[in-house]
Amino acid sequence: MLSIGATVASLYSNKATREAFHLLVMEFFSAVAQVTGQQLWFSVFDETAKLHSLVFDAEVVQIQGCGGALVAMKVNAGVSGVTTADPLELVLYVAKTCVIHFGRWGSALVLNL
């Protein structure tokens, strides 16, 4: 089966902090819900969802902020089978990065997660 991905949005922040990226992810999901009238969610957490991943530059604070947002959005373990509430474990289900950014930041990402 051919699977085609599409970039839905590119998000930027002028602050490189965990809190800034947490807010950025939360606001993105909120904006999608307001515009479409439907909650955007990840397929790994809900089999009816269409979103598979978020792509990051592999900066540690981006990944940490996203993990915090996932906790705040309350992953339903009964639906997904994912039982952890640890933000750094949850984010591993959805975070992706490209080879260039991983080569640039990957070792720091592994050390800081």
Protein backbone atom coordinates (compact mmCIF):
# COMPACT_ATOMS: atom_id res chain seq x y z
CA MET A 1 0.00 0.00 0.00
CA LEU A 2 1.31 3.41 -0.95
CA SER A 3 1.36 5.85 1.95
CA ILE A 4 1.77 9.53 1.25
CA GLY A 5 2.55 12.08 3.93
CA ALA A 6 1.75 15.76 3.88
CA THR A 7 3.07 18.67 5.87
CA VAL A 8 0.12 20.28 7.58
CA ALA A 9 1.95 23.07 9.40
CA SER A 10 5.38 24.41 10.24
CA LEU A 11 5.62 25.84 13.74
CA TYR A 12 8.31 28.21 14.97
CA SER A 13 9.21 29.80 18.28
CA ASN A 14 11.63 32.57 19.18
CA LYS A 15 12.23 30.84 22.53
CA ALA A 16 14.07 27.55 22.79
CA THR A 17 12.57 26.31 26.05
CA ARG A 18 10.58 23.26 27.04
CA GLU A 19 7.70 25.50 28.15
CA ALA A 20 7.62 27.39 24.84
CA PHE A 21 7.39 24.19 22.79
CA HIS A 22 4.81 22.72 25.17
CA LEU A 23 2.64 25.79 24.58
CA LEU A 24 3.30 25.70 20.83
CA VAL A 25 2.13 22.08 20.50
CA MET A 26 -0.92 22.69 22.71
CA GLU A 27 -1.93 25.78 20.73
CA PHE A 28 -1.48 23.98 17.41
CA PHE A 29 -3.86 21.20 18.45
CA SER A 30 -6.28 23.77 19.85
CA ALA A 31 -6.23 25.79 16.62
CA VAL A 32 -6.93 22.68 14.53
CA ALA A 33 -9.91 21.83 16.75
CA GLN A 34 -11.26 25.38 16.50
CA VAL A 35 -10.90 25.53 12.72
CA THR A 36 -12.15 22.04 11.87
CA GLY A 37 -14.49 21.36 14.77
CA GLN A 38 -12.66 18.06 15.31
CA GLN A 39 -9.89 17.00 17.64
CA LEU A 40 -6.65 16.13 15.84
CA TRP A 41 -5.02 13.05 17.36
CA PHE A 42 -2.32 10.47 16.70
CA SER A 43 -3.09 7.11 15.12
CA VAL A 44 -0.90 5.29 17.65
CA PHE A 45 -3.22 6.48 20.44
CA ASP A 46 -6.53 6.15 18.56
CA GLU A 47 -7.13 3.81 15.60
CA THR A 48 -9.57 6.27 13.99
CA ALA A 49 -7.01 9.11 13.98
CA LYS A 50 -5.06 10.02 10.86
CA LEU A 51 -2.01 11.85 12.26
CA HIS A 52 1.04 9.57 12.43
CA SER A 53 3.84 11.78 13.72
CA LEU A 54 5.35 15.19 14.29
CA VAL A 55 8.75 15.97 12.77
CA PHE A 56 11.23 17.89 14.91
CA ASP A 57 14.67 19.42 14.41
CA ALA A 58 15.89 16.99 17.11
CA GLU A 59 16.39 19.76 19.63
CA VAL A 60 15.86 18.39 23.11
CA VAL A 61 13.45 21.11 24.28
CA GLN A 62 11.16 20.48 21.29
CA ILE A 63 10.84 16.81 22.14
CA GLN A 64 10.42 17.49 25.87
CA GLY A 65 7.76 20.14 25.24
CA CYS A 66 5.80 17.82 22.97
CA GLY A 67 5.93 15.06 25.58
CA GLY A 68 4.48 17.43 28.16
CA ALA A 69 1.72 18.40 25.76
CA LEU A 70 0.85 14.73 25.19
CA VAL A 71 0.45 14.25 28.94
CA ALA A 72 -1.77 17.34 29.12
CA MET A 73 -3.89 16.03 26.22
CA LYS A 74 -4.50 12.82 28.20
CA VAL A 75 -3.60 9.74 26.19
CA ASN A 76 -6.39 7.19 26.73
CA ALA A 77 -4.63 3.94 27.70
CA GLY A 78 -7.87 2.00 27.31
CA VAL A 79 -8.02 2.87 23.63
CA SER A 80 -4.33 2.91 22.73
CA GLY A 81 -2.84 0.29 25.02
CA VAL A 82 -0.14 2.84 25.90
CA THR A 83 -0.08 2.86 29.68
CA THR A 84 2.78 5.22 30.49
CA ALA A 85 2.14 8.78 31.60
CA ASP A 86 5.82 9.70 31.36
CA PRO A 87 6.13 12.55 28.83
CA LEU A 88 9.53 11.38 27.64
CA GLU A 89 8.17 7.91 26.92
CA LEU A 90 4.93 9.11 25.30
CA VAL A 91 6.76 11.35 22.86
CA LEU A 92 8.75 8.39 21.55
CA TYR A 93 5.55 7.11 19.93
CA VAL A 94 5.09 10.20 17.74
CA ALA A 95 8.37 12.12 17.38
CA LYS A 96 10.39 11.89 14.19
CA THR A 97 13.37 13.80 12.87
CA CYS A 98 15.28 13.95 9.62
CA VAL A 99 18.75 12.49 9.05
CA ILE A 100 20.42 15.90 8.81
CA HIS A 101 19.03 17.17 12.09
CA PHE A 102 19.63 13.87 13.83
CA GLY A 103 23.25 13.96 12.73
CA ARG A 104 23.54 17.49 14.04
CA TRP A 105 21.69 17.04 17.35
CA GLY A 106 21.08 13.32 17.82
CA SER A 107 23.75 12.61 20.40
CA ALA A 108 22.58 15.51 22.55
CA LEU A 109 19.00 14.33 22.21
CA VAL A 110 19.84 10.84 23.45
CA LEU A 111 21.90 12.20 26.34
CA ASN A 112 19.26 14.70 27.47
CA LEU A 113 16.09 12.63 27.18
